[in-house]
N, C-alpha and C. Protein backbone atom coordinates (compact mmCIF):
# COMPACT_ATOMS: atom_id res chain seq x y z
N UNK A 1 0.86 -1.17 0.00
CA UNK A 1 0.00 0.00 0.00
C UNK A 1 0.90 1.22 0.00
N UNK A 2 0.57 2.23 -0.84
CA UNK A 2 1.46 3.36 -1.05
C UNK A 2 1.11 4.57 -0.19
N UNK A 3 -0.15 4.86 0.08
CA UNK A 3 -0.53 6.02 0.88
C UNK A 3 -0.08 5.80 2.33
N UNK A 4 0.94 6.55 2.79
CA UNK A 4 1.48 6.31 4.14
C UNK A 4 0.46 6.43 5.25
N UNK A 5 -0.50 7.36 5.14
CA UNK A 5 -1.51 7.50 6.19
C UNK A 5 -2.43 6.29 6.23
N UNK A 6 -2.89 5.85 5.05
CA UNK A 6 -3.77 4.68 4.99
C UNK A 6 -3.00 3.41 5.37
N UNK A 7 -1.74 3.34 4.96
CA UNK A 7 -0.91 2.19 5.31
C UNK A 7 -0.73 2.09 6.82
N UNK A 8 -0.48 3.22 7.46
CA UNK A 8 -0.33 3.24 8.91
C UNK A 8 -1.62 2.85 9.62
N UNK A 9 -2.75 3.31 9.08
CA UNK A 9 -4.04 2.96 9.66
C UNK A 9 -4.30 1.46 9.54
N UNK A 10 -4.00 0.88 8.39
CA UNK A 10 -4.17 -0.57 8.20
C UNK A 10 -3.26 -1.33 9.15
N UNK A 11 -2.03 -0.87 9.29
CA UNK A 11 -1.08 -1.53 10.19
C UNK A 11 -1.59 -1.51 11.63
N UNK A 12 -2.14 -0.37 12.06
CA UNK A 12 -2.66 -0.27 13.43
C UNK A 12 -3.82 -1.25 13.64
N UNK A 13 -4.70 -1.38 12.65
CA UNK A 13 -5.81 -2.32 12.77
C UNK A 13 -5.31 -3.76 12.86
N UNK A 14 -4.30 -4.08 12.08
CA UNK A 14 -3.72 -5.43 12.13
C UNK A 14 -3.06 -5.67 13.48
N UNK A 15 -2.29 -4.71 13.96
CA UNK A 15 -1.64 -4.87 15.26
C UNK A 15 -2.66 -5.00 16.39
N UNK A 16 -3.74 -4.26 16.29
CA UNK A 16 -4.81 -4.37 17.28
C UNK A 16 -5.38 -5.79 17.27
N UNK A 17 -5.61 -6.35 16.09
CA UNK A 17 -6.13 -7.72 15.99
C UNK A 17 -5.14 -8.73 16.58
N UNK A 18 -3.86 -8.53 16.32
CA UNK A 18 -2.83 -9.42 16.87
C UNK A 18 -2.84 -9.33 18.40
N UNK A 19 -2.95 -8.13 18.93
CA UNK A 19 -3.01 -7.96 20.39
C UNK A 19 -4.26 -8.60 21.00
N UNK A 20 -5.29 -8.79 20.16
CA UNK A 20 -6.53 -9.42 20.63
C UNK A 20 -6.56 -10.92 20.35
N UNK A 21 -5.45 -11.47 19.85
CA UNK A 21 -5.38 -12.92 19.67
C UNK A 21 -5.25 -13.44 18.26
N UNK A 22 -5.32 -12.58 17.26
CA UNK A 22 -5.15 -13.03 15.88
C UNK A 22 -3.70 -13.40 15.63
N UNK A 23 -3.49 -14.28 14.68
CA UNK A 23 -2.14 -14.65 14.27
C UNK A 23 -1.84 -14.10 12.89
N UNK A 24 -0.58 -13.81 12.64
CA UNK A 24 -0.15 -13.33 11.33
C UNK A 24 0.44 -14.50 10.56
N UNK A 25 -0.21 -14.90 9.48
CA UNK A 25 0.31 -15.99 8.64
C UNK A 25 1.27 -15.46 7.59
N UNK A 26 1.06 -14.21 7.18
CA UNK A 26 1.91 -13.61 6.14
C UNK A 26 1.84 -12.10 6.29
N UNK A 27 2.95 -11.42 6.09
CA UNK A 27 2.97 -9.96 6.06
C UNK A 27 2.83 -9.35 7.43
N UNK A 28 2.00 -8.31 7.48
CA UNK A 28 1.77 -7.61 8.74
C UNK A 28 2.82 -6.57 9.06
N UNK A 29 3.71 -6.29 8.11
CA UNK A 29 4.79 -5.33 8.37
C UNK A 29 4.47 -3.98 7.76
N UNK A 30 5.08 -2.97 8.34
CA UNK A 30 4.91 -1.60 7.88
C UNK A 30 6.28 -0.95 7.94
N UNK A 31 6.86 -0.70 6.76
CA UNK A 31 8.20 -0.11 6.69
C UNK A 31 8.24 0.97 5.63
N UNK A 32 8.80 2.10 5.99
CA UNK A 32 8.98 3.23 5.07
C UNK A 32 7.68 3.60 4.36
N UNK A 33 6.59 3.59 5.10
CA UNK A 33 5.31 3.98 4.54
C UNK A 33 4.60 2.91 3.73
N UNK A 34 5.18 1.72 3.66
CA UNK A 34 4.57 0.64 2.89
C UNK A 34 4.04 -0.45 3.81
N UNK A 35 2.80 -0.85 3.58
CA UNK A 35 2.17 -1.92 4.35
C UNK A 35 2.14 -3.17 3.49
N UNK A 36 2.71 -4.25 4.00
CA UNK A 36 2.79 -5.49 3.24
C UNK A 36 1.45 -6.23 3.21
N UNK A 37 1.12 -6.90 2.10
CA UNK A 37 -0.08 -7.74 2.08
C UNK A 37 -0.06 -8.69 3.27
N UNK A 38 -1.21 -8.87 3.89
CA UNK A 38 -1.27 -9.57 5.18
C UNK A 38 -2.40 -10.58 5.21
N UNK A 39 -2.10 -11.75 5.78
CA UNK A 39 -3.12 -12.76 6.05
C UNK A 39 -3.13 -13.00 7.55
N UNK A 40 -4.31 -12.81 8.15
CA UNK A 40 -4.49 -13.04 9.59
C UNK A 40 -5.35 -14.28 9.79
N UNK A 41 -5.05 -15.06 10.80
CA UNK A 41 -5.95 -16.16 11.17
C UNK A 41 -6.39 -15.97 12.62
N UNK A 42 -7.36 -16.78 13.01
CA UNK A 42 -7.91 -16.74 14.37
C UNK A 42 -8.50 -15.37 14.71
N UNK A 43 -9.07 -14.70 13.70
CA UNK A 43 -9.74 -13.43 13.99
C UNK A 43 -11.14 -13.72 14.52
N UNK A 44 -11.71 -12.73 15.15
CA UNK A 44 -13.08 -12.85 15.66
C UNK A 44 -13.94 -11.76 15.02
N UNK A 45 -15.24 -11.95 15.01
CA UNK A 45 -16.11 -10.94 14.40
C UNK A 45 -16.01 -9.57 15.05
N UNK A 46 -15.59 -9.52 16.31
CA UNK A 46 -15.52 -8.25 17.03
C UNK A 46 -14.31 -7.41 16.65
N UNK A 47 -13.30 -7.99 16.04
CA UNK A 47 -12.08 -7.25 15.71
C UNK A 47 -12.35 -6.24 14.61
N UNK A 48 -11.67 -5.09 14.69
CA UNK A 48 -11.89 -4.03 13.70
C UNK A 48 -11.52 -4.48 12.28
N UNK A 49 -10.57 -5.41 12.14
CA UNK A 49 -10.24 -5.89 10.79
C UNK A 49 -11.42 -6.60 10.15
N UNK A 50 -12.38 -7.04 10.97
CA UNK A 50 -13.59 -7.67 10.46
C UNK A 50 -14.80 -6.76 10.52
N UNK A 51 -14.81 -5.77 11.38
CA UNK A 51 -15.97 -4.89 11.54
C UNK A 51 -15.91 -3.65 10.65
N UNK A 52 -14.71 -3.30 10.19
CA UNK A 52 -14.53 -2.10 9.38
C UNK A 52 -13.84 -2.47 8.07
N UNK A 53 -14.06 -1.66 7.05
CA UNK A 53 -13.35 -1.88 5.80
C UNK A 53 -11.92 -1.36 5.98
N UNK A 54 -10.95 -2.22 5.74
CA UNK A 54 -9.56 -1.87 5.98
C UNK A 54 -8.97 -1.08 4.81
N UNK A 55 -9.45 -1.30 3.60
CA UNK A 55 -8.92 -0.66 2.40
C UNK A 55 -7.42 -0.86 2.28
N UNK A 56 -7.02 -2.10 2.46
CA UNK A 56 -5.61 -2.50 2.34
C UNK A 56 -5.60 -3.98 2.02
N UNK A 57 -4.45 -4.49 1.58
CA UNK A 57 -4.37 -5.92 1.24
C UNK A 57 -4.33 -6.80 2.50
N UNK A 58 -5.50 -6.94 3.14
CA UNK A 58 -5.61 -7.71 4.37
C UNK A 58 -6.70 -8.76 4.21
N UNK A 59 -6.37 -10.00 4.49
CA UNK A 59 -7.35 -11.08 4.52
C UNK A 59 -7.41 -11.58 5.95
N UNK A 60 -8.61 -11.69 6.48
CA UNK A 60 -8.75 -12.24 7.83
C UNK A 60 -9.53 -13.54 7.75
N UNK A 61 -9.07 -14.52 8.48
CA UNK A 61 -9.71 -15.84 8.50
C UNK A 61 -10.34 -16.02 9.88
N UNK A 62 -11.67 -16.12 9.88
CA UNK A 62 -12.43 -16.29 11.12
C UNK A 62 -13.00 -17.70 11.14
N UNK A 63 -12.64 -18.49 12.13
CA UNK A 63 -13.18 -19.87 12.17
C UNK A 63 -14.66 -19.90 12.54
N UNK A 64 -15.34 -20.92 12.04
CA UNK A 64 -16.75 -21.14 12.37
C UNK A 64 -17.00 -22.63 12.34
N UNK A 65 -18.07 -23.06 13.02
CA UNK A 65 -18.39 -24.48 13.10
C UNK A 65 -19.45 -24.92 12.10
N UNK A 66 -20.43 -24.07 11.84
CA UNK A 66 -21.55 -24.43 10.96
C UNK A 66 -21.74 -23.35 9.89
N UNK A 67 -22.26 -23.75 8.75
CA UNK A 67 -22.50 -22.82 7.65
C UNK A 67 -23.42 -21.68 8.07
N UNK A 68 -24.45 -21.99 8.86
CA UNK A 68 -25.36 -20.95 9.36
C UNK A 68 -24.60 -19.90 10.15
N UNK A 69 -23.64 -20.34 10.94
CA UNK A 69 -22.84 -19.41 11.73
C UNK A 69 -22.01 -18.51 10.81
N UNK A 70 -21.46 -19.07 9.75
CA UNK A 70 -20.68 -18.27 8.80
C UNK A 70 -21.55 -17.20 8.15
N UNK A 71 -22.76 -17.56 7.75
CA UNK A 71 -23.67 -16.58 7.16
C UNK A 71 -24.01 -15.48 8.17
N UNK A 72 -24.28 -15.88 9.41
CA UNK A 72 -24.61 -14.91 10.45
C UNK A 72 -23.45 -13.95 10.69
N UNK A 73 -22.23 -14.49 10.80
CA UNK A 73 -21.05 -13.66 11.04
C UNK A 73 -20.88 -12.66 9.90
N UNK A 74 -21.00 -13.13 8.67
CA UNK A 74 -20.80 -12.24 7.52
C UNK A 74 -21.89 -11.18 7.44
N UNK A 75 -23.10 -11.52 7.80
CA UNK A 75 -24.20 -10.55 7.74
C UNK A 75 -24.19 -9.57 8.90
N UNK A 76 -23.52 -9.91 9.99
CA UNK A 76 -23.48 -9.07 11.19
C UNK A 76 -22.41 -7.99 11.02
N UNK A 77 -22.66 -7.09 10.10
CA UNK A 77 -21.69 -6.06 9.77
C UNK A 77 -22.44 -4.83 9.27
N UNK A 78 -21.78 -3.69 9.34
CA UNK A 78 -22.34 -2.47 8.79
C UNK A 78 -22.07 -2.37 7.29
N UNK A 79 -21.30 -3.33 6.76
CA UNK A 79 -20.87 -3.28 5.37
C UNK A 79 -21.38 -4.49 4.60
N UNK A 80 -21.38 -4.39 3.29
CA UNK A 80 -21.85 -5.51 2.48
C UNK A 80 -21.45 -5.36 1.03
N UNK A 81 -20.14 -5.36 0.76
CA UNK A 81 -19.70 -5.22 -0.63
C UNK A 81 -19.96 -6.52 -1.38
N UNK A 82 -19.12 -7.50 -1.21
CA UNK A 82 -19.31 -8.81 -1.84
C UNK A 82 -18.79 -9.86 -0.87
N UNK A 83 -19.20 -11.11 -1.11
CA UNK A 83 -18.75 -12.22 -0.30
C UNK A 83 -18.30 -13.33 -1.22
N UNK A 84 -17.23 -14.01 -0.85
CA UNK A 84 -16.77 -15.18 -1.58
C UNK A 84 -17.02 -16.43 -0.75
N UNK A 85 -17.66 -17.43 -1.35
CA UNK A 85 -17.96 -18.67 -0.64
C UNK A 85 -17.40 -19.83 -1.46
N UNK A 86 -16.65 -20.67 -0.79
CA UNK A 86 -16.08 -21.84 -1.46
C UNK A 86 -16.87 -23.07 -1.04
N UNK A 87 -17.60 -23.64 -1.99
CA UNK A 87 -18.43 -24.81 -1.71
C UNK A 87 -18.78 -25.50 -3.02
N UNK A 88 -19.08 -26.79 -2.94
CA UNK A 88 -19.61 -27.53 -4.08
C UNK A 88 -21.09 -27.85 -3.85
N UNK A 89 -21.64 -27.38 -2.74
CA UNK A 89 -23.02 -27.67 -2.35
C UNK A 89 -23.96 -26.59 -2.90
N UNK A 90 -24.74 -26.94 -3.92
CA UNK A 90 -25.62 -25.96 -4.56
C UNK A 90 -26.67 -25.42 -3.59
N UNK A 91 -27.05 -26.19 -2.60
CA UNK A 91 -28.00 -25.70 -1.60
C UNK A 91 -27.39 -24.58 -0.78
N UNK A 92 -26.11 -24.70 -0.45
CA UNK A 92 -25.42 -23.61 0.27
C UNK A 92 -25.28 -22.38 -0.62
N UNK A 93 -25.02 -22.61 -1.90
CA UNK A 93 -24.93 -21.49 -2.84
C UNK A 93 -26.23 -20.71 -2.84
N UNK A 94 -27.34 -21.41 -2.98
CA UNK A 94 -28.64 -20.74 -3.05
C UNK A 94 -29.01 -20.07 -1.72
N UNK A 95 -28.71 -20.71 -0.61
CA UNK A 95 -28.98 -20.10 0.70
C UNK A 95 -28.16 -18.83 0.87
N UNK A 96 -26.89 -18.89 0.50
CA UNK A 96 -26.04 -17.71 0.63
C UNK A 96 -26.58 -16.57 -0.21
N UNK A 97 -26.98 -16.87 -1.44
CA UNK A 97 -27.50 -15.83 -2.32
C UNK A 97 -28.78 -15.23 -1.76
N UNK A 98 -29.64 -16.06 -1.19
CA UNK A 98 -30.90 -15.58 -0.65
C UNK A 98 -30.73 -14.82 0.66
N UNK A 99 -29.78 -15.24 1.49
CA UNK A 99 -29.68 -14.69 2.85
C UNK A 99 -28.61 -13.63 3.05
N UNK A 100 -27.61 -13.57 2.18
CA UNK A 100 -26.52 -12.62 2.39
C UNK A 100 -26.98 -11.21 2.03
N UNK A 101 -26.68 -10.26 2.90
CA UNK A 101 -27.02 -8.86 2.67
C UNK A 101 -25.80 -8.15 2.11
N UNK A 102 -25.48 -8.51 0.85
CA UNK A 102 -24.29 -7.99 0.16
C UNK A 102 -24.66 -7.66 -1.28
N UNK A 103 -23.76 -6.93 -1.94
CA UNK A 103 -23.99 -6.57 -3.33
C UNK A 103 -23.77 -7.70 -4.30
N UNK A 104 -22.98 -8.70 -3.92
CA UNK A 104 -22.72 -9.82 -4.81
C UNK A 104 -22.20 -11.02 -4.05
N UNK A 105 -22.56 -12.20 -4.53
CA UNK A 105 -22.09 -13.46 -3.96
C UNK A 105 -21.26 -14.15 -5.04
N UNK A 106 -20.01 -14.40 -4.74
CA UNK A 106 -19.10 -15.04 -5.68
C UNK A 106 -18.81 -16.44 -5.15
N UNK A 107 -19.05 -17.44 -5.97
CA UNK A 107 -18.85 -18.82 -5.55
C UNK A 107 -17.52 -19.34 -6.10
N UNK A 108 -16.74 -19.91 -5.20
CA UNK A 108 -15.45 -20.53 -5.50
C UNK A 108 -14.43 -19.58 -6.11
N UNK A 109 -14.48 -18.32 -5.67
CA UNK A 109 -13.49 -17.34 -6.06
C UNK A 109 -13.49 -16.24 -4.99
N UNK A 110 -12.53 -15.36 -5.07
CA UNK A 110 -12.42 -14.29 -4.09
C UNK A 110 -13.51 -13.24 -4.31
N UNK A 111 -13.93 -12.53 -3.25
CA UNK A 111 -15.05 -11.60 -3.38
C UNK A 111 -14.73 -10.36 -4.21
N UNK A 112 -13.49 -10.13 -4.56
CA UNK A 112 -13.17 -8.96 -5.40
C UNK A 112 -13.20 -9.31 -6.88
N UNK A 113 -13.52 -10.55 -7.23
CA UNK A 113 -13.62 -10.93 -8.64
C UNK A 113 -14.66 -10.06 -9.32
N UNK A 114 -14.32 -9.58 -10.52
CA UNK A 114 -15.28 -8.79 -11.29
C UNK A 114 -14.86 -8.73 -12.74
N UNK A 115 -15.83 -8.54 -13.58
CA UNK A 115 -15.63 -8.23 -14.99
C UNK A 115 -16.56 -7.07 -15.32
N UNK A 116 -16.25 -6.34 -16.37
CA UNK A 116 -16.97 -5.09 -16.64
C UNK A 116 -18.47 -5.23 -16.80
N UNK A 117 -18.95 -6.33 -17.34
CA UNK A 117 -20.40 -6.43 -17.56
C UNK A 117 -21.17 -6.84 -16.30
N UNK A 118 -20.46 -7.09 -15.20
CA UNK A 118 -21.12 -7.44 -13.94
C UNK A 118 -21.44 -6.17 -13.15
N UNK A 119 -22.55 -6.16 -12.42
CA UNK A 119 -22.83 -5.02 -11.53
C UNK A 119 -22.05 -5.16 -10.22
N UNK A 120 -20.88 -4.54 -10.14
CA UNK A 120 -20.04 -4.66 -8.95
C UNK A 120 -20.33 -3.50 -8.01
N UNK A 121 -20.72 -3.81 -6.79
CA UNK A 121 -20.97 -2.78 -5.80
C UNK A 121 -21.57 -3.39 -4.56
N UNK A 122 -21.79 -2.55 -3.55
CA UNK A 122 -22.23 -3.07 -2.26
C UNK A 122 -23.52 -2.47 -1.77
N UNK A 123 -23.88 -2.89 -0.57
CA UNK A 123 -25.07 -2.40 0.12
C UNK A 123 -24.65 -1.92 1.50
N UNK A 124 -25.55 -1.34 2.19
CA UNK A 124 -25.32 -0.78 3.53
C UNK A 124 -24.15 0.20 3.46
N UNK A 125 -23.17 0.10 4.35
CA UNK A 125 -22.06 1.04 4.41
C UNK A 125 -21.01 0.87 3.33
N UNK A 126 -21.20 -0.06 2.41
CA UNK A 126 -20.23 -0.29 1.34
C UNK A 126 -20.58 0.46 0.07
N UNK A 127 -21.15 1.61 0.23
CA UNK A 127 -21.39 2.46 -0.92
C UNK A 127 -22.74 2.26 -1.56
N UNK A 128 -22.96 3.09 -2.57
CA UNK A 128 -24.21 3.03 -3.30
C UNK A 128 -23.89 2.90 -4.78
N UNK A 129 -24.83 2.40 -5.53
CA UNK A 129 -24.63 2.26 -6.96
C UNK A 129 -23.80 1.05 -7.30
N UNK A 130 -23.53 0.91 -8.59
CA UNK A 130 -22.76 -0.22 -9.11
C UNK A 130 -21.72 0.29 -10.09
N UNK A 131 -20.59 -0.42 -10.14
CA UNK A 131 -19.54 -0.12 -11.09
C UNK A 131 -19.72 -1.00 -12.32
N UNK A 132 -18.97 -0.68 -13.35
CA UNK A 132 -19.06 -1.36 -14.63
C UNK A 132 -19.64 -0.37 -15.62
N UNK A 133 -19.20 -0.40 -16.88
CA UNK A 133 -19.62 0.63 -17.85
C UNK A 133 -21.13 0.85 -17.93
N UNK A 134 -21.91 -0.20 -18.05
CA UNK A 134 -23.35 -0.04 -18.17
C UNK A 134 -23.94 0.63 -16.92
N UNK A 135 -23.49 0.18 -15.75
CA UNK A 135 -24.05 0.67 -14.50
C UNK A 135 -23.59 2.10 -14.21
N UNK A 136 -22.36 2.43 -14.61
CA UNK A 136 -21.88 3.80 -14.44
C UNK A 136 -22.70 4.75 -15.31
N UNK A 137 -23.02 4.34 -16.54
CA UNK A 137 -23.83 5.17 -17.42
C UNK A 137 -25.23 5.34 -16.83
N UNK A 138 -25.80 4.27 -16.30
CA UNK A 138 -27.12 4.37 -15.67
C UNK A 138 -27.10 5.35 -14.50
N UNK A 139 -25.99 5.35 -13.73
CA UNK A 139 -25.88 6.27 -12.59
C UNK A 139 -25.86 7.72 -13.05
N UNK A 140 -25.33 7.97 -14.26
CA UNK A 140 -25.20 9.34 -14.76
C UNK A 140 -26.35 9.73 -15.69
N UNK A 141 -27.35 8.89 -15.80
CA UNK A 141 -28.45 9.13 -16.73
C UNK A 141 -29.76 9.27 -15.97
N UNK A 142 -30.58 10.21 -16.41
CA UNK A 142 -31.92 10.35 -15.86
C UNK A 142 -32.90 9.83 -16.90
N UNK A 143 -33.46 8.64 -16.67
CA UNK A 143 -34.40 8.10 -17.66
C UNK A 143 -35.65 8.99 -17.76
N UNK A 144 -36.12 9.18 -18.99
CA UNK A 144 -37.34 9.94 -19.23
C UNK A 144 -38.20 9.17 -20.20
N UNK A 145 -39.48 9.48 -20.18
CA UNK A 145 -40.42 8.77 -21.03
C UNK A 145 -41.37 9.76 -21.67
N UNK A 146 -41.65 9.57 -22.94
CA UNK A 146 -42.65 10.34 -23.66
C UNK A 146 -43.54 9.34 -24.38
N UNK A 147 -44.85 9.41 -24.10
CA UNK A 147 -45.82 8.53 -24.76
C UNK A 147 -46.80 9.41 -25.52
N UNK A 148 -46.99 9.13 -26.80
CA UNK A 148 -47.96 9.86 -27.62
C UNK A 148 -48.95 8.86 -28.19
N UNK A 149 -50.21 9.03 -27.82
CA UNK A 149 -51.27 8.20 -28.37
C UNK A 149 -51.96 9.04 -29.43
N UNK A 150 -51.59 8.85 -30.68
CA UNK A 150 -52.08 9.68 -31.78
C UNK A 150 -53.55 9.44 -32.12
N UNK A 151 -54.07 8.26 -31.74
CA UNK A 151 -55.44 7.95 -32.09
C UNK A 151 -56.43 8.32 -30.99
N UNK A 152 -56.00 8.50 -29.78
CA UNK A 152 -56.95 8.73 -28.68
C UNK A 152 -56.84 10.08 -28.05
N UNK A 153 -56.11 10.99 -28.66
CA UNK A 153 -55.91 12.28 -28.05
C UNK A 153 -57.07 13.23 -28.23
N UNK A 154 -57.04 14.32 -27.51
CA UNK A 154 -58.05 15.37 -27.58
C UNK A 154 -57.59 16.38 -28.61
N UNK A 155 -58.51 16.84 -29.46
CA UNK A 155 -58.17 17.82 -30.50
C UNK A 155 -58.12 19.22 -29.95
């Protein structure tokens, strides 16, 4: 991460999580204004790395026992950009899509996966609107309608 202020903020959130019991599997360093990509394990839903958007290359791994618990943990947030779920169970896919309060559900890939024709964006505190050329144009356009009934009008 290049922005020294944002890098320092991300580093502080990671260090806070470590002080609360998270482990660093990779990265977690901050040197000369650069924050290294970081993977944390043993995080909890209460940690700021999970409750707030970090806006840095940080992945947190939170253990869970049941799929329902994973859905609950992910939904218990002020944010809802996208979620990535790794499963071969189509019933879990459909439940996640129906129950997740997010802008997109990505199956068997990371939640930042996107292509231009997809409506990429979030709900709740993760912004408004959608990215992608079509959706950006829709955001900048005010639809209007004109209907003329030439046979039934008043003279």
